[in-house]
Amino acid sequence: MAEATRALDASTFQWPLRVYWEDTDAGGIVFYANYLKFFERSRTEWLRSLGVEQHRLRESTGGMFVVTQTSVRYLRPARLDDELIVTATLIEKGRASLIIGQSALLKSEHGAVLLCEGTIRIGWVDAAGLKPARIPADLLDRLETTT
């Protein structure tokens, strides 16, 4: 079966990652739940690239993002020592939540090979009571350029 390669859009946030022993099962294959960790790291770095540091955001606003829904499709396995590119793209922006499209791709000589893709919904909550709240307007403004 030929591997389908994908060209990466320059507007898509990309985070490089290498697969370590701790990411794999006994067979050297990335454990399926670890893709959610990879996605989390990429989302965090995407926000950081926009000038949003989540710890500071929580301190200054009293709110934070929490994952409320995930949908993941696994196509091919990643293996020990593979070099991956993990992406994050804002798909939908609401007043209280964001939907981010994410993928994990294997770096190869012929392009990037899609291994896993999904969507993650993150909601904004009041950090003290974990009750849903509106995303601060200035944060939504920062995200405006990414849609």
N, C-alpha and C. Protein backbone atom coordinates (compact mmCIF):
# COMPACT_ATOMS: atom_id res chain seq x y z
N MET A 1 0.84 -1.17 0.00
CA MET A 1 0.00 0.00 0.00
C MET A 1 0.89 1.25 0.00
N ALA A 2 0.69 2.13 -0.95
CA ALA A 2 1.47 3.35 -1.04
C ALA A 2 1.05 4.33 0.04
N GLU A 3 2.04 5.05 0.55
CA GLU A 3 1.74 6.04 1.58
C GLU A 3 1.33 7.34 0.92
N ALA A 4 0.22 7.89 1.38
CA ALA A 4 -0.23 9.18 0.88
C ALA A 4 0.54 10.27 1.61
N THR A 5 1.17 11.16 0.85
CA THR A 5 1.88 12.27 1.48
C THR A 5 1.02 13.50 1.41
N ARG A 6 1.29 14.42 2.29
CA ARG A 6 0.49 15.63 2.40
C ARG A 6 1.42 16.83 2.46
N ALA A 7 1.09 17.84 1.68
CA ALA A 7 1.81 19.10 1.76
C ALA A 7 1.21 19.90 2.92
N LEU A 8 2.07 20.49 3.72
CA LEU A 8 1.59 21.26 4.86
C LEU A 8 1.37 22.71 4.45
N ASP A 9 0.22 23.23 4.82
CA ASP A 9 -0.14 24.61 4.57
C ASP A 9 0.71 25.51 5.47
N ALA A 10 1.26 26.57 4.92
CA ALA A 10 2.12 27.47 5.69
C ALA A 10 1.36 28.15 6.84
N SER A 11 0.05 28.25 6.75
CA SER A 11 -0.73 28.90 7.81
C SER A 11 -1.06 27.95 8.96
N THR A 12 -0.77 26.68 8.80
CA THR A 12 -1.03 25.69 9.85
C THR A 12 0.12 25.67 10.84
N PHE A 13 -0.20 25.76 12.13
CA PHE A 13 0.84 25.70 13.15
C PHE A 13 1.43 24.29 13.16
N GLN A 14 2.76 24.22 13.23
CA GLN A 14 3.45 22.93 13.21
C GLN A 14 4.41 22.84 14.39
N TRP A 15 4.38 21.71 15.09
CA TRP A 15 5.26 21.48 16.22
C TRP A 15 6.02 20.17 15.99
N PRO A 16 7.37 20.22 15.96
CA PRO A 16 8.14 18.99 15.76
C PRO A 16 8.20 18.16 17.04
N LEU A 17 8.21 16.86 16.86
CA LEU A 17 8.21 15.95 18.01
C LEU A 17 8.91 14.66 17.61
N ARG A 18 9.70 14.11 18.51
CA ARG A 18 10.30 12.81 18.28
C ARG A 18 9.64 11.79 19.21
N VAL A 19 9.47 10.57 18.72
CA VAL A 19 8.86 9.51 19.52
C VAL A 19 9.95 8.86 20.38
N TYR A 20 9.69 8.83 21.70
CA TYR A 20 10.61 8.23 22.66
C TYR A 20 10.02 6.93 23.20
N TRP A 21 10.87 6.16 23.93
CA TRP A 21 10.41 4.90 24.53
C TRP A 21 9.14 5.11 25.34
N GLU A 22 9.10 6.18 26.12
CA GLU A 22 7.95 6.41 27.00
C GLU A 22 6.63 6.58 26.24
N ASP A 23 6.72 6.86 24.94
CA ASP A 23 5.52 7.06 24.12
C ASP A 23 4.98 5.77 23.52
N THR A 24 5.76 4.69 23.64
CA THR A 24 5.43 3.47 22.91
C THR A 24 4.98 2.33 23.82
N ASP A 25 4.39 1.33 23.17
CA ASP A 25 4.03 0.10 23.87
C ASP A 25 5.19 -0.88 23.75
N ALA A 26 5.01 -2.10 24.17
CA ALA A 26 6.08 -3.10 24.15
C ALA A 26 6.59 -3.40 22.74
N GLY A 27 5.77 -3.13 21.74
CA GLY A 27 6.16 -3.38 20.36
C GLY A 27 6.84 -2.21 19.67
N GLY A 28 7.06 -1.11 20.42
CA GLY A 28 7.71 0.05 19.83
C GLY A 28 6.77 0.94 19.02
N ILE A 29 5.46 0.71 19.17
CA ILE A 29 4.43 1.49 18.47
C ILE A 29 3.87 2.52 19.45
N VAL A 30 3.62 3.74 18.96
CA VAL A 30 3.05 4.77 19.84
C VAL A 30 1.70 4.30 20.36
N PHE A 31 1.55 4.34 21.68
CA PHE A 31 0.30 4.00 22.35
C PHE A 31 -0.76 5.02 21.93
N TYR A 32 -1.92 4.55 21.56
CA TYR A 32 -2.93 5.40 20.93
C TYR A 32 -3.29 6.64 21.74
N ALA A 33 -3.35 6.55 23.06
CA ALA A 33 -3.72 7.71 23.89
C ALA A 33 -2.65 8.79 23.88
N ASN A 34 -1.43 8.43 23.53
CA ASN A 34 -0.36 9.43 23.52
C ASN A 34 -0.52 10.46 22.41
N TYR A 35 -1.30 10.13 21.38
CA TYR A 35 -1.56 11.14 20.35
C TYR A 35 -2.31 12.33 20.96
N LEU A 36 -3.16 12.08 21.95
CA LEU A 36 -3.86 13.19 22.63
C LEU A 36 -2.85 14.06 23.38
N LYS A 37 -1.81 13.46 23.96
CA LYS A 37 -0.75 14.24 24.60
C LYS A 37 -0.01 15.08 23.56
N PHE A 38 0.28 14.47 22.43
CA PHE A 38 0.97 15.20 21.37
C PHE A 38 0.12 16.38 20.91
N PHE A 39 -1.18 16.15 20.76
CA PHE A 39 -2.10 17.22 20.36
C PHE A 39 -2.11 18.34 21.41
N GLU A 40 -2.13 17.96 22.68
CA GLU A 40 -2.13 18.95 23.76
C GLU A 40 -0.89 19.84 23.69
N ARG A 41 0.27 19.23 23.49
CA ARG A 41 1.51 20.00 23.40
C ARG A 41 1.46 20.96 22.22
N SER A 42 0.98 20.49 21.10
CA SER A 42 0.90 21.34 19.91
C SER A 42 -0.07 22.50 20.12
N ARG A 43 -1.24 22.24 20.73
CA ARG A 43 -2.20 23.32 21.01
C ARG A 43 -1.59 24.36 21.95
N THR A 44 -0.89 23.89 22.97
CA THR A 44 -0.26 24.79 23.93
C THR A 44 0.79 25.66 23.25
N GLU A 45 1.60 25.06 22.40
CA GLU A 45 2.63 25.83 21.69
C GLU A 45 2.02 26.76 20.64
N TRP A 46 0.91 26.34 20.04
CA TRP A 46 0.19 27.22 19.10
C TRP A 46 -0.28 28.47 19.83
N LEU A 47 -0.91 28.29 21.00
CA LEU A 47 -1.35 29.45 21.78
C LEU A 47 -0.16 30.31 22.20
N ARG A 48 0.93 29.68 22.61
CA ARG A 48 2.13 30.42 22.99
C ARG A 48 2.66 31.24 21.81
N SER A 49 2.58 30.68 20.60
CA SER A 49 3.04 31.41 19.41
C SER A 49 2.19 32.66 19.15
N LEU A 50 0.98 32.68 19.69
CA LEU A 50 0.08 33.83 19.57
C LEU A 50 0.23 34.78 20.76
N GLY A 51 1.18 34.48 21.64
CA GLY A 51 1.41 35.32 22.81
C GLY A 51 0.52 34.97 23.99
N VAL A 52 -0.06 33.77 23.97
CA VAL A 52 -0.97 33.35 25.04
C VAL A 52 -0.29 32.25 25.85
N GLU A 53 0.12 32.59 27.06
CA GLU A 53 0.67 31.59 27.96
C GLU A 53 -0.42 31.23 28.95
N GLN A 54 -0.79 29.97 28.98
CA GLN A 54 -1.98 29.56 29.71
C GLN A 54 -1.89 29.83 31.22
N HIS A 55 -0.72 29.68 31.81
CA HIS A 55 -0.59 29.94 33.24
C HIS A 55 -0.85 31.42 33.53
N ARG A 56 -0.25 32.28 32.73
CA ARG A 56 -0.46 33.72 32.91
C ARG A 56 -1.91 34.10 32.62
N LEU A 57 -2.49 33.47 31.63
CA LEU A 57 -3.88 33.74 31.28
C LEU A 57 -4.79 33.42 32.46
N ARG A 58 -4.54 32.30 33.09
CA ARG A 58 -5.35 31.92 34.26
C ARG A 58 -5.18 32.92 35.40
N GLU A 59 -3.94 33.35 35.63
CA GLU A 59 -3.68 34.33 36.69
C GLU A 59 -4.35 35.67 36.41
N SER A 60 -4.32 36.10 35.15
CA SER A 60 -4.84 37.44 34.82
C SER A 60 -6.35 37.48 34.62
N THR A 61 -6.95 36.35 34.23
CA THR A 61 -8.39 36.36 33.93
C THR A 61 -9.22 35.52 34.89
N GLY A 62 -8.58 34.59 35.58
CA GLY A 62 -9.32 33.68 36.45
C GLY A 62 -10.00 32.56 35.67
N GLY A 63 -9.68 32.45 34.39
CA GLY A 63 -10.28 31.41 33.55
C GLY A 63 -9.23 30.53 32.91
N MET A 64 -9.70 29.45 32.31
CA MET A 64 -8.78 28.54 31.62
C MET A 64 -9.55 27.68 30.63
N PHE A 65 -8.79 27.10 29.72
CA PHE A 65 -9.38 26.17 28.74
C PHE A 65 -9.37 24.76 29.32
N VAL A 66 -10.42 24.01 29.02
CA VAL A 66 -10.49 22.58 29.34
C VAL A 66 -10.97 21.84 28.10
N VAL A 67 -10.50 20.64 27.91
CA VAL A 67 -10.96 19.82 26.79
C VAL A 67 -12.36 19.31 27.12
N THR A 68 -13.29 19.52 26.20
CA THR A 68 -14.67 19.07 26.42
C THR A 68 -15.08 17.97 25.45
N GLN A 69 -14.35 17.81 24.34
CA GLN A 69 -14.72 16.77 23.38
C GLN A 69 -13.54 16.48 22.47
N THR A 70 -13.35 15.20 22.16
CA THR A 70 -12.31 14.81 21.21
C THR A 70 -12.89 13.82 20.21
N SER A 71 -12.34 13.87 19.02
CA SER A 71 -12.64 12.88 17.99
C SER A 71 -11.34 12.62 17.26
N VAL A 72 -10.89 11.37 17.28
CA VAL A 72 -9.58 11.04 16.72
C VAL A 72 -9.72 9.85 15.77
N ARG A 73 -9.03 9.95 14.64
CA ARG A 73 -9.00 8.87 13.65
C ARG A 73 -7.55 8.46 13.45
N TYR A 74 -7.28 7.18 13.65
CA TYR A 74 -5.93 6.64 13.53
C TYR A 74 -5.79 5.95 12.18
N LEU A 75 -4.75 6.34 11.43
CA LEU A 75 -4.57 5.80 10.08
C LEU A 75 -3.36 4.87 9.98
N ARG A 76 -2.26 5.28 10.59
CA ARG A 76 -1.01 4.51 10.54
C ARG A 76 -0.28 4.69 11.87
N PRO A 77 0.51 3.72 12.26
CA PRO A 77 1.22 3.87 13.53
C PRO A 77 2.50 4.69 13.41
N ALA A 78 2.84 5.38 14.47
CA ALA A 78 4.17 5.98 14.61
C ALA A 78 4.99 5.02 15.46
N ARG A 79 6.29 5.05 15.25
CA ARG A 79 7.18 4.10 15.92
C ARG A 79 8.31 4.83 16.65
N LEU A 80 8.96 4.09 17.51
CA LEU A 80 10.10 4.60 18.26
C LEU A 80 11.08 5.32 17.33
N ASP A 81 11.51 6.51 17.75
CA ASP A 81 12.49 7.35 17.04
C ASP A 81 11.94 8.09 15.83
N ASP A 82 10.68 7.88 15.47
CA ASP A 82 10.10 8.64 14.35
C ASP A 82 10.12 10.12 14.66
N GLU A 83 10.29 10.91 13.61
CA GLU A 83 10.15 12.36 13.72
C GLU A 83 8.77 12.72 13.21
N LEU A 84 8.01 13.39 14.06
CA LEU A 84 6.64 13.76 13.71
C LEU A 84 6.51 15.28 13.61
N ILE A 85 5.47 15.67 12.91
CA ILE A 85 5.02 17.06 12.89
C ILE A 85 3.59 17.01 13.41
N VAL A 86 3.33 17.75 14.48
CA VAL A 86 1.99 17.77 15.05
C VAL A 86 1.42 19.17 14.81
N THR A 87 0.25 19.22 14.20
CA THR A 87 -0.32 20.50 13.77
C THR A 87 -1.50 20.91 14.63
N ALA A 88 -1.83 22.19 14.54
CA ALA A 88 -3.02 22.74 15.18
C ALA A 88 -3.56 23.86 14.29
N THR A 89 -4.85 23.80 14.00
CA THR A 89 -5.51 24.80 13.19
C THR A 89 -6.87 25.13 13.80
N LEU A 90 -7.13 26.39 13.97
CA LEU A 90 -8.43 26.80 14.50
C LEU A 90 -9.48 26.60 13.42
N ILE A 91 -10.49 25.78 13.73
CA ILE A 91 -11.57 25.49 12.78
C ILE A 91 -12.78 26.36 13.07
N GLU A 92 -13.11 26.49 14.34
CA GLU A 92 -14.31 27.24 14.71
C GLU A 92 -14.06 27.98 16.03
N LYS A 93 -14.54 29.21 16.06
CA LYS A 93 -14.36 30.04 17.24
C LYS A 93 -15.73 30.50 17.72
N GLY A 94 -16.07 30.14 18.95
CA GLY A 94 -17.31 30.60 19.56
C GLY A 94 -17.02 31.49 20.74
N ARG A 95 -18.06 31.91 21.42
CA ARG A 95 -17.88 32.80 22.58
C ARG A 95 -17.35 32.06 23.80
N ALA A 96 -17.60 30.76 23.87
CA ALA A 96 -17.18 30.00 25.05
C ALA A 96 -16.33 28.77 24.70
N SER A 97 -16.13 28.50 23.42
CA SER A 97 -15.34 27.32 23.06
C SER A 97 -14.67 27.51 21.70
N LEU A 98 -13.67 26.68 21.47
CA LEU A 98 -12.93 26.64 20.21
C LEU A 98 -12.90 25.21 19.73
N ILE A 99 -12.93 25.02 18.42
CA ILE A 99 -12.69 23.69 17.85
C ILE A 99 -11.39 23.78 17.07
N ILE A 100 -10.46 22.91 17.42
CA ILE A 100 -9.15 22.90 16.80
C ILE A 100 -8.97 21.59 16.03
N GLY A 101 -8.57 21.70 14.78
CA GLY A 101 -8.23 20.54 13.98
C GLY A 101 -6.77 20.22 14.21
N GLN A 102 -6.47 18.94 14.40
CA GLN A 102 -5.10 18.55 14.67
C GLN A 102 -4.72 17.30 13.90
N SER A 103 -3.43 17.18 13.63
CA SER A 103 -2.95 15.98 12.97
C SER A 103 -1.53 15.68 13.43
N ALA A 104 -1.17 14.41 13.33
CA ALA A 104 0.19 13.96 13.58
C ALA A 104 0.67 13.36 12.27
N LEU A 105 1.78 13.87 11.78
CA LEU A 105 2.32 13.43 10.50
C LEU A 105 3.75 12.95 10.68
N LEU A 106 4.11 11.93 9.93
CA LEU A 106 5.47 11.41 9.93
C LEU A 106 6.29 12.19 8.91
N LYS A 107 7.43 12.72 9.36
CA LYS A 107 8.33 13.38 8.42
C LYS A 107 9.01 12.30 7.58
N SER A 108 8.99 12.48 6.27
CA SER A 108 9.66 11.52 5.39
C SER A 108 10.33 12.27 4.25
N GLU A 109 11.17 11.57 3.52
CA GLU A 109 11.87 12.16 2.38
C GLU A 109 10.90 12.63 1.31
N HIS A 110 9.74 12.00 1.24
CA HIS A 110 8.78 12.26 0.17
C HIS A 110 7.67 13.21 0.58
N GLY A 111 7.73 13.74 1.80
CA GLY A 111 6.69 14.62 2.29
C GLY A 111 6.22 14.14 3.65
N ALA A 112 5.12 14.69 4.10
CA ALA A 112 4.57 14.32 5.40
C ALA A 112 3.47 13.28 5.22
N VAL A 113 3.55 12.20 5.98
CA VAL A 113 2.58 11.10 5.90
C VAL A 113 1.62 11.21 7.08
N LEU A 114 0.34 11.31 6.78
CA LEU A 114 -0.66 11.45 7.83
C LEU A 114 -0.79 10.15 8.62
N LEU A 115 -0.63 10.26 9.95
CA LEU A 115 -0.75 9.11 10.84
C LEU A 115 -2.05 9.14 11.62
N CYS A 116 -2.43 10.33 12.06
CA CYS A 116 -3.56 10.48 12.97
C CYS A 116 -4.12 11.88 12.80
N GLU A 117 -5.45 12.00 12.87
CA GLU A 117 -6.05 13.33 12.78
C GLU A 117 -7.28 13.38 13.67
N GLY A 118 -7.63 14.58 14.07
CA GLY A 118 -8.79 14.71 14.93
C GLY A 118 -9.21 16.14 15.13
N THR A 119 -10.28 16.28 15.88
CA THR A 119 -10.74 17.59 16.30
C THR A 119 -10.86 17.57 17.82
N ILE A 120 -10.52 18.69 18.40
CA ILE A 120 -10.57 18.85 19.84
C ILE A 120 -11.39 20.11 20.12
N ARG A 121 -12.41 19.98 20.96
CA ARG A 121 -13.16 21.16 21.41
C ARG A 121 -12.63 21.52 22.79
N ILE A 122 -12.24 22.77 22.95
CA ILE A 122 -11.83 23.27 24.25
C ILE A 122 -12.80 24.35 24.67
N GLY A 123 -13.23 24.27 25.91
CA GLY A 123 -14.17 25.25 26.45
C GLY A 123 -13.48 26.13 27.47
N TRP A 124 -13.99 27.33 27.62
CA TRP A 124 -13.47 28.28 28.60
C TRP A 124 -14.30 28.15 29.87
N VAL A 125 -13.62 28.04 30.99
CA VAL A 125 -14.31 27.93 32.28
C VAL A 125 -13.67 28.87 33.29
N ASP A 126 -14.46 29.23 34.30
CA ASP A 126 -13.96 29.93 35.46
C ASP A 126 -13.11 28.91 36.23
N ALA A 127 -11.84 29.23 36.45
CA ALA A 127 -10.92 28.25 37.05
C ALA A 127 -11.32 27.84 38.47
N ALA A 128 -11.90 28.74 39.22
CA ALA A 128 -12.25 28.43 40.61
C ALA A 128 -13.39 27.41 40.71
N GLY A 129 -14.43 27.59 39.91
CA GLY A 129 -15.59 26.71 40.02
C GLY A 129 -15.79 25.78 38.84
N LEU A 130 -14.93 25.91 37.83
CA LEU A 130 -15.01 25.12 36.60
C LEU A 130 -16.36 25.27 35.88
N LYS A 131 -16.98 26.42 36.04
CA LYS A 131 -18.25 26.69 35.36
C LYS A 131 -17.96 27.35 34.02
N PRO A 132 -18.73 26.98 32.99
CA PRO A 132 -18.54 27.60 31.67
C PRO A 132 -18.63 29.12 31.74
N ALA A 133 -17.80 29.77 30.94
CA ALA A 133 -17.77 31.23 30.88
C ALA A 133 -17.42 31.66 29.46
N ARG A 134 -17.52 32.94 29.20
CA ARG A 134 -17.15 33.46 27.88
C ARG A 134 -15.64 33.66 27.81
N ILE A 135 -15.09 33.36 26.65
CA ILE A 135 -13.67 33.58 26.41
C ILE A 135 -13.45 35.10 26.41
N PRO A 136 -12.41 35.59 27.10
CA PRO A 136 -12.16 37.03 27.11
C PRO A 136 -12.05 37.61 25.70
N ALA A 137 -12.63 38.79 25.50
CA ALA A 137 -12.68 39.42 24.18
C ALA A 137 -11.29 39.63 23.58
N ASP A 138 -10.32 40.04 24.40
CA ASP A 138 -8.97 40.27 23.86
C ASP A 138 -8.33 38.97 23.37
N LEU A 139 -8.65 37.86 24.00
CA LEU A 139 -8.15 36.57 23.54
C LEU A 139 -8.82 36.19 22.21
N LEU A 140 -10.10 36.39 22.10
CA LEU A 140 -10.79 36.14 20.83
C LEU A 140 -10.21 37.01 19.72
N ASP A 141 -9.85 38.25 20.04
CA ASP A 141 -9.25 39.13 19.04
C ASP A 141 -7.92 38.58 18.56
N ARG A 142 -7.11 38.03 19.46
CA ARG A 142 -5.82 37.43 19.06
C ARG A 142 -6.03 36.25 18.12
N LEU A 143 -7.09 35.52 18.35
CA LEU A 143 -7.39 34.35 17.53
C LEU A 143 -7.99 34.73 16.17
N GLU A 144 -8.46 35.97 16.05
CA GLU A 144 -9.14 36.43 14.83
C GLU A 144 -8.30 36.19 13.58
N THR A 145 -7.01 36.39 13.68
CA THR A 145 -6.13 36.26 12.51
C THR A 145 -5.89 34.82 12.11
N THR A 146 -6.30 33.86 12.94
CA THR A 146 -6.01 32.46 12.63
C THR A 146 -7.17 31.73 11.97
N THR A 147 -8.34 32.38 11.83
CA THR A 147 -9.48 31.70 11.21
C THR A 147 -9.57 32.02 9.74
